[in-house]
Amino acid sequence: MTNFSNQAILNWQAFLELKVQNSKDRRLHDFYHAGTYHNETPLSDIEFVALDFETTGLDSQKNSIISIGLVPFTLQRIFCRKAKKWYLNPKDKLQEDSIIIHGITHSDLQDAPDLLLILEQLLNELAGKVVVVHYRHIERDFLDHTLRMLINEGIVFPVIDTMQIEANVQREKSQGLFNFFKRKRTESIRLANSRERYHLPAYAPHDALTDAIATAELLQAQIKYHFSPDTAIKNLWL
């Protein structure tokens, strides 16, 4: 089992209890009220939800969410029938370079709702579960900034970041004495490259729901290879 140290110092359970008292928006209040797991809860007892956003760019201050995909799962099973996907109306214009990446066009978003119209449903899907993402500065930062703009209140919640896990794995491998003398380069930690190392199938990238499923599968593989079902959640969430 790989031994990683989590630098986050928050007691997420206590933190969310405090947010219940301070939140002004009913939807966020209900989300925080659902709470989360105790730090020592083993991964085998956790209900996860993989979350992925497609956006108009990488800057949460300037760009917008245009698609959300999510799927609930456990270490044993991914519940694809409970998966959800939404297109959203962006606040900024679609750029040609981003369209080439995610394939979402103006016509796809013509009748797409504003985030506020699906916010309650989205939060209900996330509430009480541990959110899993591949690069937390997209999903968590974009959702926080968007809500600050829409309802004048941001959102904070714990996540497991499969990209961070993979970065830790690759860093540990590269620090070995043999690799030090060989000057072995660190492997890519992009979603597709990370999945390939665990012999997971190749999926077409940049679809929010497909990437959410891919992230769920990746975490299952990472835990199998580097951790244990008995590993406490405090060792992984951020």
Protein backbone atom coordinates (compact mmCIF):
# COMPACT_ATOMS: atom_id res chain seq x y z
CA MET A 1 0.00 0.00 0.00
CA THR A 2 1.39 3.39 -0.98
CA ASN A 3 1.86 5.77 1.94
CA PHE A 4 0.85 9.33 1.05
CA SER A 5 0.42 12.20 3.49
CA ASN A 6 -2.56 14.51 3.07
CA GLN A 7 -1.58 18.12 3.68
CA ALA A 8 -5.17 19.31 4.17
CA ILE A 9 -5.83 20.09 7.82
CA LEU A 10 -9.59 20.60 7.73
CA ASN A 11 -11.90 18.35 9.67
CA TRP A 12 -14.45 18.24 6.88
CA GLN A 13 -17.26 16.88 9.03
CA ALA A 14 -16.94 19.74 11.52
CA PHE A 15 -16.38 22.26 8.74
CA LEU A 16 -19.62 21.36 6.96
CA GLU A 17 -21.51 21.54 10.26
CA LEU A 18 -20.24 25.11 10.61
CA LYS A 19 -21.31 25.91 7.04
CA VAL A 20 -24.86 24.82 7.90
CA GLN A 21 -25.02 27.62 10.45
CA ASN A 22 -23.52 30.25 8.15
CA SER A 23 -25.12 29.46 4.80
CA LYS A 24 -27.84 31.88 3.69
CA ASP A 25 -29.03 30.07 0.57
CA ARG A 26 -31.52 27.26 1.30
CA ARG A 27 -30.06 24.97 -1.35
CA LEU A 28 -26.55 25.31 0.04
CA HIS A 29 -27.87 24.95 3.59
CA ASP A 30 -29.50 21.64 2.67
CA PHE A 31 -26.33 20.50 0.88
CA TYR A 32 -24.15 21.20 3.92
CA HIS A 33 -26.75 19.72 6.27
CA ALA A 34 -26.34 16.35 4.54
CA GLY A 35 -22.85 16.34 6.05
CA THR A 36 -20.03 14.00 5.22
CA TYR A 37 -18.08 11.07 6.59
CA HIS A 38 -15.91 10.87 9.68
CA ASN A 39 -12.18 11.15 8.94
CA GLU A 40 -11.57 7.52 9.89
CA THR A 41 -14.30 6.03 7.67
CA PRO A 42 -12.80 3.29 5.46
CA LEU A 43 -13.06 3.74 1.71
CA SER A 44 -15.13 0.55 1.50
CA ASP A 45 -17.95 2.33 3.37
CA ILE A 46 -17.97 5.47 1.23
CA GLU A 47 -20.53 6.47 -1.38
CA PHE A 48 -18.69 8.44 -4.06
CA VAL A 49 -19.86 10.57 -6.95
CA ALA A 50 -17.54 11.29 -9.87
CA LEU A 51 -17.98 14.79 -11.27
CA ASP A 52 -16.69 16.37 -14.47
CA PHE A 53 -17.18 19.78 -16.09
CA GLU A 54 -16.60 20.93 -19.63
CA THR A 55 -15.88 24.67 -19.71
CA THR A 56 -15.27 27.48 -22.17
CA GLY A 57 -11.70 27.81 -20.85
CA LEU A 58 -9.48 27.08 -17.86
CA ASP A 59 -9.94 30.33 -15.90
CA SER A 60 -12.77 30.06 -13.37
CA GLN A 61 -12.82 33.86 -13.05
CA LYS A 62 -13.42 34.47 -16.77
CA ASN A 63 -14.83 31.27 -18.26
CA SER A 64 -18.05 29.29 -17.82
CA ILE A 65 -19.31 25.78 -17.23
CA ILE A 66 -21.06 24.45 -20.34
CA SER A 67 -21.58 20.79 -19.43
CA ILE A 68 -21.78 18.75 -16.23
CA GLY A 69 -21.56 14.97 -15.96
CA LEU A 70 -21.73 12.88 -12.82
CA VAL A 71 -22.07 9.26 -11.79
CA PRO A 72 -22.41 7.72 -8.31
CA PHE A 73 -20.24 4.74 -7.40
CA THR A 74 -18.61 2.65 -4.70
CA LEU A 75 -15.38 0.67 -4.72
CA GLN A 76 -17.33 -2.29 -6.08
CA ARG A 77 -19.74 -0.76 -8.57
CA ILE A 78 -20.42 2.22 -10.82
CA PHE A 79 -24.12 3.07 -11.04
CA CYS A 80 -24.36 4.16 -14.67
CA ARG A 81 -28.16 4.12 -14.66
CA LYS A 82 -28.08 6.90 -12.06
CA ALA A 83 -25.68 9.04 -14.09
CA LYS A 84 -26.68 12.59 -14.99
CA LYS A 85 -25.59 15.04 -17.67
CA TRP A 86 -26.55 18.65 -18.33
CA TYR A 87 -25.66 21.30 -20.88
CA LEU A 88 -25.55 24.84 -19.48
CA ASN A 89 -25.88 28.29 -20.98
CA PRO A 90 -22.45 29.99 -20.68
CA LYS A 91 -21.90 33.58 -19.61
CA ASP A 92 -19.04 34.02 -22.08
CA LYS A 93 -18.80 33.15 -25.76
CA LEU A 94 -17.68 29.78 -27.02
CA GLN A 95 -14.24 30.00 -28.55
CA GLU A 96 -13.23 28.01 -31.62
CA ASP A 97 -10.25 26.44 -29.87
CA SER A 98 -12.43 25.16 -27.03
CA ILE A 99 -15.07 23.83 -29.45
CA ILE A 100 -12.36 21.77 -31.12
CA ILE A 101 -11.51 20.22 -27.74
CA HIS A 102 -14.93 19.42 -26.27
CA GLY A 103 -17.04 19.32 -29.42
CA ILE A 104 -19.89 21.31 -27.84
CA THR A 105 -21.31 23.81 -30.33
CA HIS A 106 -23.58 26.85 -30.15
CA SER A 107 -26.53 24.74 -31.31
CA ASP A 108 -25.98 22.30 -28.43
CA LEU A 109 -26.34 25.17 -25.96
CA GLN A 110 -29.12 27.08 -27.72
CA ASP A 111 -31.83 25.92 -25.30
CA ALA A 112 -29.54 25.02 -22.40
CA PRO A 113 -30.64 26.24 -18.95
CA ASP A 114 -28.80 28.51 -16.57
CA LEU A 115 -27.01 26.73 -13.72
CA LEU A 116 -29.58 28.06 -11.24
CA LEU A 117 -32.32 26.00 -12.88
CA ILE A 118 -30.51 22.73 -12.19
CA LEU A 119 -28.60 23.76 -9.06
CA GLU A 120 -30.90 22.05 -6.57
CA GLN A 121 -30.84 18.79 -8.55
CA LEU A 122 -27.05 18.97 -8.87
CA LEU A 123 -26.53 19.57 -5.16
CA ASN A 124 -28.93 16.75 -4.28
CA GLU A 125 -26.81 14.39 -6.38
CA LEU A 126 -23.64 15.47 -4.56
CA ALA A 127 -25.02 15.79 -1.03
CA GLY A 128 -23.68 13.33 1.53
CA LYS A 129 -21.29 11.72 -0.96
CA VAL A 130 -17.56 12.19 -1.49
CA VAL A 131 -16.98 14.00 -4.77
CA VAL A 132 -14.25 12.56 -7.02
CA VAL A 133 -12.65 14.67 -9.77
CA HIS A 134 -9.59 14.63 -12.02
CA TYR A 135 -8.03 18.03 -11.25
CA ARG A 136 -9.98 19.72 -8.49
CA HIS A 137 -9.21 23.28 -9.63
CA ILE A 138 -11.72 22.87 -12.44
CA GLU A 139 -14.80 21.41 -10.75
CA ARG A 140 -14.46 22.92 -7.29
CA ASP A 141 -13.17 26.33 -8.37
CA PHE A 142 -15.62 26.78 -11.25
CA LEU A 143 -18.65 25.81 -9.17
CA ASP A 144 -17.56 28.06 -6.30
CA HIS A 145 -16.98 31.09 -8.52
CA THR A 146 -20.16 30.55 -10.55
CA LEU A 147 -22.31 30.42 -7.42
CA ARG A 148 -20.64 33.54 -6.05
CA MET A 149 -21.69 35.33 -9.21
CA LEU A 150 -25.23 33.91 -9.25
CA ILE A 151 -26.28 33.84 -5.59
CA ASN A 152 -23.51 35.79 -3.86
CA GLU A 153 -22.42 32.70 -1.93
CA GLY A 154 -19.73 30.22 -2.88
CA ILE A 155 -19.45 26.52 -2.11
CA VAL A 156 -16.76 24.42 -0.43
CA PHE A 157 -16.69 20.64 -0.15
CA PRO A 158 -14.13 17.83 0.16
CA VAL A 159 -12.94 16.07 -2.97
CA ILE A 160 -10.72 13.19 -3.93
CA ASP A 161 -8.53 14.29 -6.82
CA THR A 162 -7.39 11.37 -8.98
CA MET A 163 -4.89 13.64 -10.73
CA GLN A 164 -3.30 14.50 -7.38
CA ILE A 165 -3.16 10.82 -6.45
CA GLU A 166 -1.45 10.04 -9.75
CA ALA A 167 0.98 12.93 -9.29
CA ASN A 168 1.91 11.51 -5.88
CA VAL A 169 2.35 8.03 -7.36
CA GLN A 170 4.60 9.27 -10.17
CA ARG A 171 6.62 11.47 -7.82
CA GLU A 172 7.26 8.53 -5.51
CA LYS A 173 8.35 6.35 -8.44
CA SER A 174 10.70 8.98 -9.84
CA GLN A 175 12.41 9.43 -6.47
CA GLY A 176 13.69 5.87 -6.40
CA LEU A 177 17.49 5.53 -6.56
CA PHE A 178 17.41 3.55 -9.82
CA ASN A 179 15.20 6.12 -11.53
CA PHE A 180 17.29 8.96 -10.12
CA PHE A 181 20.40 7.74 -11.90
CA LYS A 182 18.46 6.98 -15.09
CA ARG A 183 16.90 10.47 -14.96
CA LYS A 184 13.56 8.87 -15.70
CA ARG A 185 10.94 11.42 -16.73
CA THR A 186 7.71 11.69 -14.78
CA GLU A 187 4.77 10.17 -16.67
CA SER A 188 1.81 12.26 -17.82
CA ILE A 189 -1.01 12.51 -15.27
CA ARG A 190 -3.72 13.47 -17.76
CA LEU A 191 -6.85 11.34 -17.41
CA ALA A 192 -6.30 9.16 -20.49
CA ASN A 193 -2.61 8.60 -19.76
CA SER A 194 -3.31 7.76 -16.13
CA ARG A 195 -5.98 5.24 -17.12
CA GLU A 196 -3.63 3.58 -19.61
CA ARG A 197 -1.17 2.72 -16.84
CA TYR A 198 -3.90 0.71 -15.10
CA HIS A 199 -4.88 -1.03 -18.35
CA LEU A 200 -8.27 0.68 -18.40
CA PRO A 201 -9.99 1.07 -21.79
CA ALA A 202 -9.52 4.20 -23.89
CA TYR A 203 -12.57 6.46 -24.03
CA ALA A 204 -13.17 9.46 -26.28
CA PRO A 205 -12.14 12.45 -24.11
CA HIS A 206 -13.85 15.74 -23.27
CA ASP A 207 -17.40 14.55 -22.78
CA ALA A 208 -18.46 15.41 -19.23
CA LEU A 209 -20.32 12.17 -18.51
CA THR A 210 -17.76 9.91 -20.19
CA ASP A 211 -14.97 11.63 -18.26
CA ALA A 212 -16.90 11.26 -15.00
CA ILE A 213 -17.21 7.51 -15.58
CA ALA A 214 -13.55 7.37 -16.57
CA THR A 215 -12.61 9.15 -13.34
CA ALA A 216 -14.67 6.73 -11.25
CA GLU A 217 -12.94 3.76 -12.88
CA LEU A 218 -9.55 5.38 -12.36
CA LEU A 219 -10.11 5.86 -8.63
CA GLN A 220 -11.21 2.24 -8.25
CA ALA A 221 -7.96 1.16 -9.95
CA GLN A 222 -5.79 3.54 -7.93
CA ILE A 223 -7.19 2.25 -4.66
CA LYS A 224 -6.69 -1.35 -5.78
CA TYR A 225 -3.05 -0.74 -6.73
CA HIS A 226 -1.89 1.78 -4.14
CA PHE A 227 -4.25 1.70 -1.18
CA SER A 228 -6.75 -0.63 0.47
CA PRO A 229 -10.51 -0.73 1.06
CA ASP A 230 -9.61 -0.19 4.72
CA THR A 231 -7.72 3.06 4.02
CA ALA A 232 -9.33 5.94 5.92
CA ILE A 233 -10.94 8.66 3.83
CA LYS A 234 -8.77 11.28 5.58
CA ASN A 235 -5.78 9.97 3.61
CA LEU A 236 -7.31 10.85 0.25
CA TRP A 237 -9.68 13.78 0.44
CA LEU A 238 -8.62 17.40 0.05
